Amino acid sequence: MENKILCDKNGIKIYEGECKKNIANGHGILYKNGIKIFEGYFINGIPNIEGVLYKNGKMIYKGGFLNGAFHGKGMYISDNMVYIGQYNNGNNVDGLLYCVSNST
């Protein structure tokens, strides 16, 4: 495997990290419109094993992945809640949900 920077047809970076035959394999960072949306491990271009998912520059999920879906231990964060627990193929199956109040 080798480290590479892959770009779209307009020259905008879409991936930086380990590749095999120009496909994300190993640790890397995925970008959309030049903004980081995922950092973690890839198998054949798909998030697997573990990683961090970002939306609008903010972390929204950290944990396990299987074929691009949340899987295993993970933590999902939104504006008004945090879920920490187990996922199975993208579905939360066991964990704790914390509600976040923005009132002072």
N, C-alpha and C. Protein backbone atom coordinates (compact mmCIF):
# COMPACT_ATOMS: atom_id res chain seq x y z
N MET A 1 0.84 -1.18 0.00
CA MET A 1 0.00 0.00 0.00
C MET A 1 0.89 1.24 0.00
N GLU A 2 0.34 2.29 -0.55
CA GLU A 2 1.08 3.54 -0.58
C GLU A 2 0.16 4.69 -0.18
N ASN A 3 0.75 5.76 0.32
CA ASN A 3 -0.01 6.96 0.66
C ASN A 3 -0.23 7.78 -0.59
N LYS A 4 -1.46 8.25 -0.78
CA LYS A 4 -1.80 9.02 -1.96
C LYS A 4 -2.80 10.10 -1.61
N ILE A 5 -2.88 11.08 -2.51
CA ILE A 5 -3.94 12.07 -2.49
C ILE A 5 -4.74 11.87 -3.77
N LEU A 6 -6.02 11.59 -3.64
CA LEU A 6 -6.90 11.41 -4.79
C LEU A 6 -7.77 12.64 -4.95
N CYS A 7 -7.94 13.08 -6.20
CA CYS A 7 -8.72 14.28 -6.49
C CYS A 7 -9.83 13.96 -7.48
N ASP A 8 -10.88 14.79 -7.47
CA ASP A 8 -11.94 14.63 -8.46
C ASP A 8 -11.50 15.25 -9.78
N LYS A 9 -12.37 15.26 -10.78
CA LYS A 9 -12.00 15.75 -12.10
C LYS A 9 -11.69 17.24 -12.12
N ASN A 10 -12.11 17.97 -11.07
CA ASN A 10 -11.83 19.40 -10.97
C ASN A 10 -10.58 19.70 -10.15
N GLY A 11 -9.89 18.64 -9.72
CA GLY A 11 -8.67 18.82 -8.95
C GLY A 11 -8.89 19.05 -7.47
N ILE A 12 -10.12 18.84 -6.98
CA ILE A 12 -10.43 19.01 -5.55
C ILE A 12 -10.15 17.70 -4.83
N LYS A 13 -9.42 17.78 -3.73
CA LYS A 13 -9.04 16.60 -2.97
C LYS A 13 -10.28 15.90 -2.42
N ILE A 14 -10.36 14.58 -2.67
CA ILE A 14 -11.46 13.79 -2.14
C ILE A 14 -10.99 12.72 -1.15
N TYR A 15 -9.70 12.39 -1.19
CA TYR A 15 -9.18 11.37 -0.28
C TYR A 15 -7.68 11.57 -0.11
N GLU A 16 -7.24 11.34 1.12
CA GLU A 16 -5.81 11.37 1.42
C GLU A 16 -5.51 10.24 2.38
N GLY A 17 -4.61 9.35 1.98
CA GLY A 17 -4.25 8.26 2.87
C GLY A 17 -3.77 7.04 2.12
N GLU A 18 -3.88 5.90 2.79
CA GLU A 18 -3.38 4.65 2.23
C GLU A 18 -4.31 4.16 1.11
N CYS A 19 -3.68 3.71 0.03
CA CYS A 19 -4.41 3.22 -1.14
C CYS A 19 -3.80 1.92 -1.64
N LYS A 20 -4.65 1.18 -2.32
CA LYS A 20 -4.21 0.00 -3.05
C LYS A 20 -4.91 0.08 -4.41
N LYS A 21 -4.13 0.20 -5.48
CA LYS A 21 -4.66 0.35 -6.84
C LYS A 21 -5.62 1.55 -6.93
N ASN A 22 -5.22 2.69 -6.33
CA ASN A 22 -5.99 3.94 -6.34
C ASN A 22 -7.36 3.83 -5.67
N ILE A 23 -7.51 2.88 -4.77
CA ILE A 23 -8.73 2.74 -3.97
C ILE A 23 -8.34 2.83 -2.51
N ALA A 24 -9.13 3.59 -1.73
CA ALA A 24 -8.86 3.76 -0.30
C ALA A 24 -8.83 2.41 0.39
N ASN A 25 -7.68 2.09 0.98
CA ASN A 25 -7.49 0.86 1.74
C ASN A 25 -6.51 1.17 2.86
N GLY A 26 -6.96 1.01 4.11
CA GLY A 26 -6.13 1.38 5.25
C GLY A 26 -6.64 2.69 5.82
N HIS A 27 -5.78 3.37 6.55
CA HIS A 27 -6.18 4.62 7.21
C HIS A 27 -6.17 5.78 6.21
N GLY A 28 -7.22 6.63 6.30
CA GLY A 28 -7.27 7.79 5.42
C GLY A 28 -8.35 8.77 5.83
N ILE A 29 -8.41 9.85 5.06
CA ILE A 29 -9.38 10.93 5.29
C ILE A 29 -10.17 11.13 4.00
N LEU A 30 -11.50 11.12 4.11
CA LEU A 30 -12.39 11.35 2.99
C LEU A 30 -12.91 12.79 3.06
N TYR A 31 -12.93 13.46 1.91
CA TYR A 31 -13.36 14.85 1.83
C TYR A 31 -14.54 14.99 0.88
N LYS A 32 -15.40 15.97 1.14
CA LYS A 32 -16.47 16.35 0.22
C LYS A 32 -16.39 17.87 0.06
N ASN A 33 -16.23 18.33 -1.17
CA ASN A 33 -16.05 19.76 -1.45
C ASN A 33 -14.89 20.35 -0.64
N GLY A 34 -13.84 19.55 -0.44
CA GLY A 34 -12.66 20.01 0.27
C GLY A 34 -12.79 20.00 1.79
N ILE A 35 -13.92 19.51 2.32
CA ILE A 35 -14.16 19.49 3.77
C ILE A 35 -14.13 18.04 4.25
N LYS A 36 -13.41 17.79 5.34
CA LYS A 36 -13.29 16.44 5.90
C LYS A 36 -14.66 15.94 6.35
N ILE A 37 -15.04 14.73 5.86
CA ILE A 37 -16.30 14.13 6.29
C ILE A 37 -16.10 12.80 7.01
N PHE A 38 -14.93 12.18 6.84
CA PHE A 38 -14.66 10.91 7.51
C PHE A 38 -13.16 10.73 7.66
N GLU A 39 -12.76 10.26 8.83
CA GLU A 39 -11.37 9.88 9.05
C GLU A 39 -11.37 8.54 9.75
N GLY A 40 -10.67 7.58 9.17
CA GLY A 40 -10.62 6.27 9.77
C GLY A 40 -10.08 5.25 8.80
N TYR A 41 -10.61 4.04 8.90
CA TYR A 41 -10.10 2.93 8.11
C TYR A 41 -11.07 2.56 6.99
N PHE A 42 -10.49 2.19 5.86
CA PHE A 42 -11.24 1.81 4.67
C PHE A 42 -10.83 0.43 4.21
N ILE A 43 -11.79 -0.31 3.68
CA ILE A 43 -11.52 -1.55 2.96
C ILE A 43 -12.22 -1.43 1.62
N ASN A 44 -11.44 -1.47 0.55
CA ASN A 44 -11.98 -1.32 -0.81
C ASN A 44 -12.84 -0.07 -0.97
N GLY A 45 -12.40 1.04 -0.38
CA GLY A 45 -13.07 2.32 -0.54
C GLY A 45 -14.25 2.57 0.37
N ILE A 46 -14.55 1.63 1.26
CA ILE A 46 -15.71 1.74 2.14
C ILE A 46 -15.24 1.82 3.59
N PRO A 47 -15.81 2.77 4.39
CA PRO A 47 -15.43 2.84 5.81
C PRO A 47 -15.68 1.52 6.53
N ASN A 48 -14.66 1.03 7.21
CA ASN A 48 -14.73 -0.22 7.96
C ASN A 48 -13.83 -0.12 9.19
N ILE A 49 -14.06 -0.96 10.13
CA ILE A 49 -13.28 -1.12 11.36
C ILE A 49 -13.63 -0.01 12.34
N GLU A 50 -13.05 1.19 12.18
CA GLU A 50 -13.37 2.31 13.09
C GLU A 50 -13.07 3.63 12.40
N GLY A 51 -13.76 4.66 12.90
CA GLY A 51 -13.52 5.98 12.32
C GLY A 51 -14.36 7.04 12.97
N VAL A 52 -14.23 8.25 12.43
CA VAL A 52 -14.95 9.42 12.92
C VAL A 52 -15.66 10.05 11.72
N LEU A 53 -16.98 10.27 11.87
CA LEU A 53 -17.79 10.88 10.83
C LEU A 53 -18.06 12.33 11.21
N TYR A 54 -17.93 13.22 10.24
CA TYR A 54 -18.12 14.65 10.46
C TYR A 54 -19.26 15.18 9.60
N LYS A 55 -19.97 16.18 10.12
CA LYS A 55 -20.99 16.90 9.35
C LYS A 55 -20.81 18.38 9.63
N ASN A 56 -20.67 19.16 8.56
CA ASN A 56 -20.44 20.61 8.69
C ASN A 56 -19.26 20.92 9.61
N GLY A 57 -18.22 20.10 9.52
CA GLY A 57 -17.01 20.32 10.29
C GLY A 57 -17.06 19.87 11.74
N LYS A 58 -18.21 19.30 12.17
CA LYS A 58 -18.36 18.84 13.56
C LYS A 58 -18.46 17.33 13.60
N MET A 59 -17.82 16.72 14.59
CA MET A 59 -17.91 15.28 14.77
C MET A 59 -19.34 14.90 15.13
N ILE A 60 -19.90 13.91 14.41
CA ILE A 60 -21.24 13.43 14.77
C ILE A 60 -21.23 11.96 15.18
N TYR A 61 -20.18 11.23 14.83
CA TYR A 61 -20.10 9.82 15.22
C TYR A 61 -18.64 9.41 15.34
N LYS A 62 -18.38 8.64 16.38
CA LYS A 62 -17.06 8.06 16.57
C LYS A 62 -17.26 6.63 17.03
N GLY A 63 -16.66 5.68 16.28
CA GLY A 63 -16.80 4.30 16.70
C GLY A 63 -16.58 3.34 15.56
N GLY A 64 -17.21 2.17 15.69
CA GLY A 64 -17.02 1.10 14.74
C GLY A 64 -17.84 1.26 13.47
N PHE A 65 -17.32 0.68 12.38
CA PHE A 65 -18.00 0.66 11.09
C PHE A 65 -17.88 -0.73 10.49
N LEU A 66 -18.89 -1.11 9.74
CA LEU A 66 -18.86 -2.33 8.95
C LEU A 66 -19.55 -2.03 7.62
N ASN A 67 -18.81 -2.13 6.55
CA ASN A 67 -19.33 -1.86 5.21
C ASN A 67 -20.05 -0.51 5.13
N GLY A 68 -19.48 0.51 5.77
CA GLY A 68 -20.01 1.87 5.70
C GLY A 68 -21.09 2.19 6.72
N ALA A 69 -21.55 1.21 7.49
CA ALA A 69 -22.61 1.43 8.49
C ALA A 69 -22.00 1.43 9.90
N PHE A 70 -22.65 2.17 10.82
CA PHE A 70 -22.24 2.13 12.22
C PHE A 70 -22.36 0.68 12.69
N HIS A 71 -21.30 0.19 13.37
CA HIS A 71 -21.33 -1.20 13.81
C HIS A 71 -20.36 -1.37 14.98
N GLY A 72 -20.84 -2.02 16.03
CA GLY A 72 -20.01 -2.19 17.23
C GLY A 72 -20.21 -1.00 18.17
N LYS A 73 -19.22 -0.75 19.01
CA LYS A 73 -19.30 0.36 19.96
C LYS A 73 -19.20 1.69 19.23
N GLY A 74 -20.05 2.64 19.64
CA GLY A 74 -20.00 3.95 19.01
C GLY A 74 -20.69 5.02 19.82
N MET A 75 -20.43 6.26 19.44
CA MET A 75 -21.04 7.42 20.08
C MET A 75 -21.55 8.36 18.97
N TYR A 76 -22.85 8.63 18.99
CA TYR A 76 -23.48 9.53 18.02
C TYR A 76 -23.87 10.81 18.75
N ILE A 77 -23.56 11.95 18.13
CA ILE A 77 -23.82 13.24 18.76
C ILE A 77 -24.66 14.10 17.82
N SER A 78 -25.75 14.66 18.33
CA SER A 78 -26.53 15.65 17.58
C SER A 78 -26.66 16.89 18.44
N ASP A 79 -27.40 17.87 17.96
CA ASP A 79 -27.55 19.12 18.72
C ASP A 79 -28.26 18.93 20.05
N ASN A 80 -29.14 17.93 20.14
CA ASN A 80 -29.92 17.80 21.38
C ASN A 80 -29.81 16.44 22.07
N MET A 81 -28.90 15.57 21.58
CA MET A 81 -28.74 14.29 22.26
C MET A 81 -27.40 13.65 21.95
N VAL A 82 -27.03 12.72 22.84
CA VAL A 82 -25.83 11.91 22.65
C VAL A 82 -26.24 10.47 22.93
N TYR A 83 -25.91 9.57 22.00
CA TYR A 83 -26.16 8.15 22.19
C TYR A 83 -24.82 7.44 22.27
N ILE A 84 -24.63 6.65 23.32
CA ILE A 84 -23.42 5.86 23.49
C ILE A 84 -23.84 4.42 23.67
N GLY A 85 -23.36 3.56 22.78
CA GLY A 85 -23.74 2.16 22.91
C GLY A 85 -23.32 1.32 21.73
N GLN A 86 -24.09 0.28 21.49
CA GLN A 86 -23.80 -0.71 20.46
C GLN A 86 -24.67 -0.47 19.23
N TYR A 87 -24.05 -0.67 18.07
CA TYR A 87 -24.76 -0.60 16.79
C TYR A 87 -24.60 -1.94 16.08
N ASN A 88 -25.62 -2.28 15.30
CA ASN A 88 -25.57 -3.47 14.47
C ASN A 88 -26.05 -3.08 13.08
N ASN A 89 -25.14 -3.04 12.12
CA ASN A 89 -25.46 -2.66 10.74
C ASN A 89 -26.25 -1.36 10.65
N GLY A 90 -25.83 -0.35 11.41
CA GLY A 90 -26.44 0.97 11.34
C GLY A 90 -27.56 1.22 12.33
N ASN A 91 -28.00 0.19 13.02
CA ASN A 91 -29.10 0.35 14.00
C ASN A 91 -28.55 0.31 15.42
N ASN A 92 -29.02 1.25 16.26
CA ASN A 92 -28.61 1.21 17.66
C ASN A 92 -29.40 0.09 18.34
N VAL A 93 -28.66 -0.78 19.05
CA VAL A 93 -29.30 -1.95 19.64
C VAL A 93 -29.22 -1.98 21.17
N ASP A 94 -28.28 -1.29 21.75
CA ASP A 94 -28.17 -1.30 23.20
C ASP A 94 -27.26 -0.15 23.63
N GLY A 95 -27.77 0.72 24.47
CA GLY A 95 -26.94 1.82 24.92
C GLY A 95 -27.71 2.83 25.75
N LEU A 96 -27.09 3.97 25.93
CA LEU A 96 -27.68 5.04 26.72
C LEU A 96 -27.87 6.27 25.85
N LEU A 97 -29.04 6.90 26.02
CA LEU A 97 -29.37 8.12 25.29
C LEU A 97 -29.41 9.26 26.29
N TYR A 98 -28.62 10.28 26.05
CA TYR A 98 -28.57 11.46 26.91
C TYR A 98 -29.17 12.63 26.16
N CYS A 99 -30.15 13.28 26.75
CA CYS A 99 -30.73 14.48 26.16
C CYS A 99 -29.95 15.69 26.63
N VAL A 100 -29.72 16.61 25.69
CA VAL A 100 -28.95 17.81 25.99
C VAL A 100 -29.90 19.00 25.98
N SER A 101 -29.89 19.77 27.05
CA SER A 101 -30.74 20.94 27.15
C SER A 101 -29.90 22.19 26.91
N ASN A 102 -30.36 23.07 26.06
CA ASN A 102 -29.66 24.32 25.79
C ASN A 102 -30.16 25.47 26.64
N SER A 103 -31.07 25.19 27.57
CA SER A 103 -31.59 26.27 28.42
C SER A 103 -30.61 26.62 29.52
N THR A 104 -30.64 27.84 29.95
CA THR A 104 -29.73 28.29 31.02
C THR A 104 -30.48 28.65 32.26
